[in-house]
């Protein structure tokens, strides 16, 4: 599959291809481990994406699991936020909730 064909794949498939390529890539994994924060990780991952011809952008990497979660972890961001008790990936775009419908309360606690 050529790089043009790879760049036409959906973002999630390109991210999955990047993650699979990182498996066993010792130098890249060592570089990721040395990163001091999520931004530095994104720099390494952008370089790897470019070398593989995946054409991923910084925003795509920062917003697509599992890389998004790796960045959160490296930045020590909480996976849960107080008030919603939902993993952050479920908070994106209020998945599963109708925007006009108020949140249900459980015994007046939430």
N, C-alpha and C. Protein backbone atom coordinates (compact mmCIF):
# COMPACT_ATOMS: atom_id res chain seq x y z
N UNK A 1 0.85 -1.17 0.00
CA UNK A 1 0.00 0.00 0.00
C UNK A 1 0.90 1.23 0.00
N UNK A 2 0.72 2.13 -0.97
CA UNK A 2 1.53 3.33 -1.08
C UNK A 2 1.12 4.38 -0.07
N UNK A 3 1.97 5.41 0.06
CA UNK A 3 1.68 6.45 1.06
C UNK A 3 0.41 7.22 0.72
N UNK A 4 0.10 7.40 -0.60
CA UNK A 4 -1.15 8.08 -0.96
C UNK A 4 -2.35 7.28 -0.49
N UNK A 5 -2.29 5.96 -0.64
CA UNK A 5 -3.40 5.12 -0.19
C UNK A 5 -3.52 5.16 1.33
N UNK A 6 -2.39 5.19 2.03
CA UNK A 6 -2.42 5.27 3.49
C UNK A 6 -3.06 6.57 3.95
N UNK A 7 -2.74 7.67 3.30
CA UNK A 7 -3.26 8.96 3.70
C UNK A 7 -4.75 9.09 3.44
N UNK A 8 -5.31 8.21 2.60
CA UNK A 8 -6.74 8.23 2.33
C UNK A 8 -7.55 7.40 3.32
N UNK A 9 -6.86 6.65 4.18
CA UNK A 9 -7.55 5.87 5.21
C UNK A 9 -8.12 6.81 6.27
N UNK A 10 -9.17 6.39 6.97
CA UNK A 10 -9.67 7.20 8.09
C UNK A 10 -8.57 7.39 9.15
N UNK A 11 -8.68 8.47 9.89
CA UNK A 11 -7.67 8.82 10.89
C UNK A 11 -7.45 7.68 11.88
N UNK A 12 -8.53 7.07 12.36
CA UNK A 12 -8.39 6.00 13.35
C UNK A 12 -7.58 4.83 12.80
N UNK A 13 -7.74 4.51 11.52
CA UNK A 13 -6.97 3.42 10.93
C UNK A 13 -5.50 3.79 10.76
N UNK A 14 -5.25 5.06 10.43
CA UNK A 14 -3.86 5.50 10.32
C UNK A 14 -3.18 5.51 11.68
N UNK A 15 -3.91 5.92 12.73
CA UNK A 15 -3.35 5.89 14.08
C UNK A 15 -3.06 4.45 14.49
N UNK A 16 -3.98 3.54 14.19
CA UNK A 16 -3.75 2.13 14.50
C UNK A 16 -2.54 1.59 13.77
N UNK A 17 -2.34 2.01 12.52
CA UNK A 17 -1.16 1.58 11.75
C UNK A 17 0.11 2.11 12.42
N UNK A 18 0.07 3.33 12.91
CA UNK A 18 1.22 3.91 13.61
C UNK A 18 1.52 3.13 14.88
N UNK A 19 0.49 2.82 15.65
CA UNK A 19 0.67 2.08 16.90
C UNK A 19 1.28 0.70 16.60
N UNK A 20 0.78 0.03 15.57
CA UNK A 20 1.35 -1.29 15.21
C UNK A 20 2.80 -1.16 14.78
N UNK A 21 3.12 -0.08 14.06
CA UNK A 21 4.50 0.12 13.61
C UNK A 21 5.43 0.38 14.78
N UNK A 22 4.91 0.97 15.85
CA UNK A 22 5.73 1.26 17.03
C UNK A 22 6.10 0.00 17.81
N UNK A 23 5.32 -1.06 17.64
CA UNK A 23 5.59 -2.31 18.33
C UNK A 23 6.91 -2.88 17.81
N UNK A 24 7.90 -2.90 18.67
CA UNK A 24 9.21 -3.42 18.29
C UNK A 24 10.16 -2.36 17.74
N UNK A 25 9.69 -1.13 17.58
CA UNK A 25 10.55 -0.04 17.10
C UNK A 25 11.33 0.51 18.28
N UNK A 26 12.46 -0.10 18.58
CA UNK A 26 13.20 0.19 19.80
C UNK A 26 13.61 1.66 19.91
N UNK A 27 14.19 2.23 18.88
CA UNK A 27 14.66 3.62 18.96
C UNK A 27 13.51 4.60 19.19
N UNK A 28 12.40 4.38 18.49
CA UNK A 28 11.26 5.27 18.65
C UNK A 28 10.67 5.13 20.05
N UNK A 29 10.57 3.90 20.53
CA UNK A 29 10.03 3.68 21.87
C UNK A 29 10.94 4.28 22.94
N UNK A 30 12.25 4.20 22.74
CA UNK A 30 13.17 4.82 23.68
C UNK A 30 13.03 6.34 23.67
N UNK A 31 12.84 6.90 22.45
CA UNK A 31 12.65 8.34 22.34
C UNK A 31 11.36 8.76 23.04
N UNK A 32 10.30 7.98 22.89
CA UNK A 32 9.03 8.28 23.57
C UNK A 32 9.19 8.22 25.08
N UNK A 33 9.95 7.24 25.57
CA UNK A 33 10.16 7.10 27.01
C UNK A 33 10.95 8.28 27.58
N UNK A 34 11.84 8.87 26.78
CA UNK A 34 12.65 10.01 27.25
C UNK A 34 11.88 11.33 27.23
N UNK A 35 10.74 11.36 26.59
CA UNK A 35 9.97 12.61 26.48
C UNK A 35 9.54 13.09 27.87
N UNK A 36 9.63 14.40 28.07
CA UNK A 36 9.28 14.95 29.37
C UNK A 36 7.80 15.28 29.49
N UNK A 37 7.12 15.41 28.34
CA UNK A 37 5.70 15.72 28.39
C UNK A 37 5.02 15.22 27.10
N UNK A 38 3.71 15.40 27.05
CA UNK A 38 2.94 14.93 25.91
C UNK A 38 3.28 15.64 24.62
N UNK A 39 3.66 16.94 24.71
CA UNK A 39 4.03 17.68 23.49
C UNK A 39 5.27 17.08 22.84
N UNK A 40 6.24 16.70 23.66
CA UNK A 40 7.45 16.07 23.13
C UNK A 40 7.11 14.72 22.51
N UNK A 41 6.18 14.00 23.12
CA UNK A 41 5.74 12.72 22.55
C UNK A 41 5.11 12.94 21.17
N UNK A 42 4.29 13.98 21.08
CA UNK A 42 3.65 14.27 19.79
C UNK A 42 4.69 14.58 18.71
N UNK A 43 5.78 15.26 19.09
CA UNK A 43 6.85 15.52 18.13
C UNK A 43 7.44 14.22 17.59
N UNK A 44 7.72 13.28 18.48
CA UNK A 44 8.28 11.99 18.08
C UNK A 44 7.28 11.24 17.20
N UNK A 45 6.02 11.24 17.60
CA UNK A 45 5.00 10.52 16.85
C UNK A 45 4.73 11.15 15.49
N UNK A 46 4.81 12.48 15.40
CA UNK A 46 4.67 13.16 14.11
C UNK A 46 5.78 12.74 13.16
N UNK A 47 6.99 12.65 13.69
CA UNK A 47 8.12 12.22 12.87
C UNK A 47 7.91 10.78 12.39
N UNK A 48 7.47 9.91 13.28
CA UNK A 48 7.22 8.51 12.90
C UNK A 48 6.11 8.43 11.86
N UNK A 49 5.07 9.23 12.02
CA UNK A 49 3.97 9.25 11.05
C UNK A 49 4.47 9.69 9.68
N UNK A 50 5.31 10.71 9.66
CA UNK A 50 5.85 11.21 8.40
C UNK A 50 6.72 10.15 7.72
N UNK A 51 7.57 9.48 8.50
CA UNK A 51 8.45 8.44 7.93
C UNK A 51 7.64 7.29 7.35
N UNK A 52 6.48 7.00 7.96
CA UNK A 52 5.64 5.90 7.47
C UNK A 52 4.69 6.35 6.36
N UNK A 53 4.64 7.64 6.09
CA UNK A 53 3.76 8.16 5.05
C UNK A 53 2.29 8.18 5.44
N UNK A 54 2.04 8.29 6.75
CA UNK A 54 0.65 8.27 7.23
C UNK A 54 -0.02 9.63 7.16
N UNK A 55 0.76 10.70 7.14
CA UNK A 55 0.20 12.03 7.01
C UNK A 55 -0.69 12.49 8.15
N UNK A 56 -0.41 12.02 9.35
CA UNK A 56 -1.20 12.44 10.51
C UNK A 56 -0.75 13.82 10.99
N UNK A 57 -1.69 14.61 11.45
CA UNK A 57 -1.37 15.93 11.99
C UNK A 57 -1.25 15.83 13.51
N UNK A 58 -0.69 16.87 14.09
CA UNK A 58 -0.55 16.94 15.55
C UNK A 58 -1.93 16.84 16.22
N UNK A 59 -2.91 17.58 15.69
CA UNK A 59 -4.26 17.55 16.26
C UNK A 59 -4.88 16.16 16.15
N UNK A 60 -4.69 15.50 15.03
CA UNK A 60 -5.25 14.15 14.87
C UNK A 60 -4.64 13.20 15.89
N UNK A 61 -3.34 13.29 16.09
CA UNK A 61 -2.69 12.43 17.08
C UNK A 61 -3.18 12.75 18.49
N UNK A 62 -3.31 14.03 18.79
CA UNK A 62 -3.69 14.45 20.14
C UNK A 62 -5.14 14.14 20.47
N UNK A 63 -5.96 13.87 19.45
CA UNK A 63 -7.38 13.66 19.68
C UNK A 63 -7.84 12.24 19.44
N UNK A 64 -6.95 11.35 19.01
CA UNK A 64 -7.35 9.99 18.63
C UNK A 64 -6.74 8.97 19.58
N UNK A 65 -7.62 8.12 20.19
CA UNK A 65 -7.09 7.05 21.04
C UNK A 65 -6.32 6.05 20.19
N UNK A 66 -5.34 5.37 20.71
CA UNK A 66 -4.85 5.41 22.09
C UNK A 66 -3.79 6.49 22.32
N UNK A 67 -3.34 7.13 21.25
CA UNK A 67 -2.28 8.13 21.42
C UNK A 67 -2.74 9.28 22.30
N UNK A 68 -3.98 9.72 22.13
CA UNK A 68 -4.53 10.78 22.98
C UNK A 68 -4.38 10.40 24.45
N UNK A 69 -4.66 9.14 24.78
CA UNK A 69 -4.57 8.68 26.16
C UNK A 69 -3.12 8.62 26.63
N UNK A 70 -2.21 8.26 25.72
CA UNK A 70 -0.79 8.26 26.09
C UNK A 70 -0.35 9.67 26.45
N UNK A 71 -0.78 10.65 25.67
CA UNK A 71 -0.41 12.05 25.92
C UNK A 71 -0.99 12.50 27.26
N UNK A 72 -2.25 12.17 27.52
CA UNK A 72 -2.86 12.51 28.81
C UNK A 72 -2.05 11.90 29.94
N UNK A 73 -1.66 10.64 29.79
CA UNK A 73 -0.92 9.94 30.83
C UNK A 73 0.43 10.62 31.05
N UNK A 74 1.12 10.94 29.96
CA UNK A 74 2.44 11.56 30.08
C UNK A 74 2.33 12.94 30.74
N UNK A 75 1.24 13.65 30.45
CA UNK A 75 1.02 14.97 31.05
C UNK A 75 0.43 14.86 32.46
N UNK A 76 0.16 13.63 32.88
CA UNK A 76 -0.44 13.35 34.19
C UNK A 76 -1.81 14.00 34.34
N UNK A 77 -2.53 14.11 33.21
CA UNK A 77 -3.91 14.59 33.25
C UNK A 77 -4.80 13.49 33.78
N UNK A 78 -5.82 13.87 34.48
CA UNK A 78 -6.75 12.89 35.05
C UNK A 78 -7.56 12.22 33.95
N UNK A 79 -7.77 10.92 34.09
CA UNK A 79 -8.63 10.21 33.15
C UNK A 79 -10.09 10.41 33.49
N UNK A 80 -10.37 10.80 34.75
CA UNK A 80 -11.73 11.12 35.17
C UNK A 80 -11.74 12.56 35.64
N UNK A 81 -12.85 13.22 35.41
CA UNK A 81 -12.98 14.57 35.94
C UNK A 81 -14.10 14.58 36.95
N UNK A 82 -13.92 15.32 38.01
CA UNK A 82 -14.92 15.37 39.08
C UNK A 82 -16.20 15.98 38.54
N UNK A 83 -17.30 15.34 38.87
CA UNK A 83 -18.60 15.84 38.46
C UNK A 83 -19.28 14.93 37.47
N UNK A 84 -18.53 14.36 36.56
CA UNK A 84 -19.14 13.48 35.57
C UNK A 84 -18.84 12.01 35.85
N UNK A 85 -17.73 11.74 36.51
CA UNK A 85 -17.33 10.36 36.78
C UNK A 85 -17.37 9.51 35.52
N UNK A 86 -16.95 10.08 34.44
CA UNK A 86 -16.88 9.34 33.18
C UNK A 86 -15.45 9.43 32.66
N UNK A 87 -14.94 8.33 32.11
CA UNK A 87 -13.62 8.43 31.49
C UNK A 87 -13.64 9.54 30.44
N UNK A 88 -12.51 10.21 30.26
CA UNK A 88 -12.46 11.36 29.36
C UNK A 88 -12.86 10.98 27.95
N UNK A 89 -12.54 9.75 27.51
CA UNK A 89 -12.90 9.39 26.14
C UNK A 89 -14.42 9.38 25.96
N UNK A 90 -15.18 9.16 27.03
CA UNK A 90 -16.63 9.18 26.92
C UNK A 90 -17.17 10.60 27.04
N UNK A 91 -16.36 11.52 27.52
CA UNK A 91 -16.80 12.91 27.65
C UNK A 91 -16.72 13.64 26.32
N UNK A 92 -15.89 13.15 25.41
CA UNK A 92 -15.71 13.82 24.13
C UNK A 92 -17.04 13.93 23.41
N UNK A 93 -17.48 15.13 23.17
CA UNK A 93 -18.69 15.37 22.41
C UNK A 93 -19.96 14.88 23.10
N UNK A 94 -19.90 14.65 24.41
CA UNK A 94 -21.06 14.15 25.16
C UNK A 94 -21.70 12.96 24.46
N UNK A 95 -20.89 11.99 24.11
CA UNK A 95 -21.39 10.79 23.44
C UNK A 95 -22.48 10.14 24.28
N UNK A 96 -23.54 9.76 23.61
CA UNK A 96 -24.61 9.05 24.28
C UNK A 96 -25.58 9.93 25.03
N UNK A 97 -25.39 11.27 24.95
CA UNK A 97 -26.30 12.18 25.64
C UNK A 97 -26.91 13.14 24.64
N UNK A 98 -28.17 13.37 24.80
CA UNK A 98 -28.85 14.36 24.00
C UNK A 98 -28.53 15.73 24.58
N UNK A 99 -28.01 16.63 23.75
CA UNK A 99 -27.56 17.93 24.24
C UNK A 99 -28.64 18.75 24.90
N UNK A 100 -29.93 18.58 24.51
CA UNK A 100 -31.01 19.38 25.09
C UNK A 100 -31.56 18.76 26.37
N UNK A 101 -31.28 17.49 26.58
CA UNK A 101 -31.82 16.78 27.73
C UNK A 101 -30.94 17.01 28.95
N UNK A 102 -31.53 17.47 30.07
CA UNK A 102 -30.72 17.67 31.28
C UNK A 102 -30.22 16.33 31.81
N UNK A 103 -29.12 16.40 32.51
CA UNK A 103 -28.55 15.19 33.08
C UNK A 103 -29.44 14.67 34.20
N UNK A 104 -29.66 13.37 34.24
CA UNK A 104 -30.47 12.77 35.30
C UNK A 104 -29.71 12.80 36.60
N UNK A 105 -30.41 13.00 37.67
CA UNK A 105 -29.79 13.01 38.99
C UNK A 105 -30.12 11.71 39.71
N UNK A 106 -29.16 11.21 40.43
CA UNK A 106 -29.33 9.99 41.18
C UNK A 106 -29.40 10.35 42.65
N UNK A 107 -30.57 10.22 43.23
CA UNK A 107 -30.80 10.54 44.63
C UNK A 107 -30.32 11.95 44.99
N UNK A 108 -30.35 12.82 44.01
CA UNK A 108 -29.97 14.20 44.26
C UNK A 108 -28.48 14.41 44.46
N UNK A 109 -27.68 13.38 44.23
CA UNK A 109 -26.25 13.49 44.49
C UNK A 109 -25.48 14.00 43.28
N UNK A 110 -25.93 13.68 42.09
CA UNK A 110 -25.15 14.02 40.90
C UNK A 110 -25.90 15.00 40.08
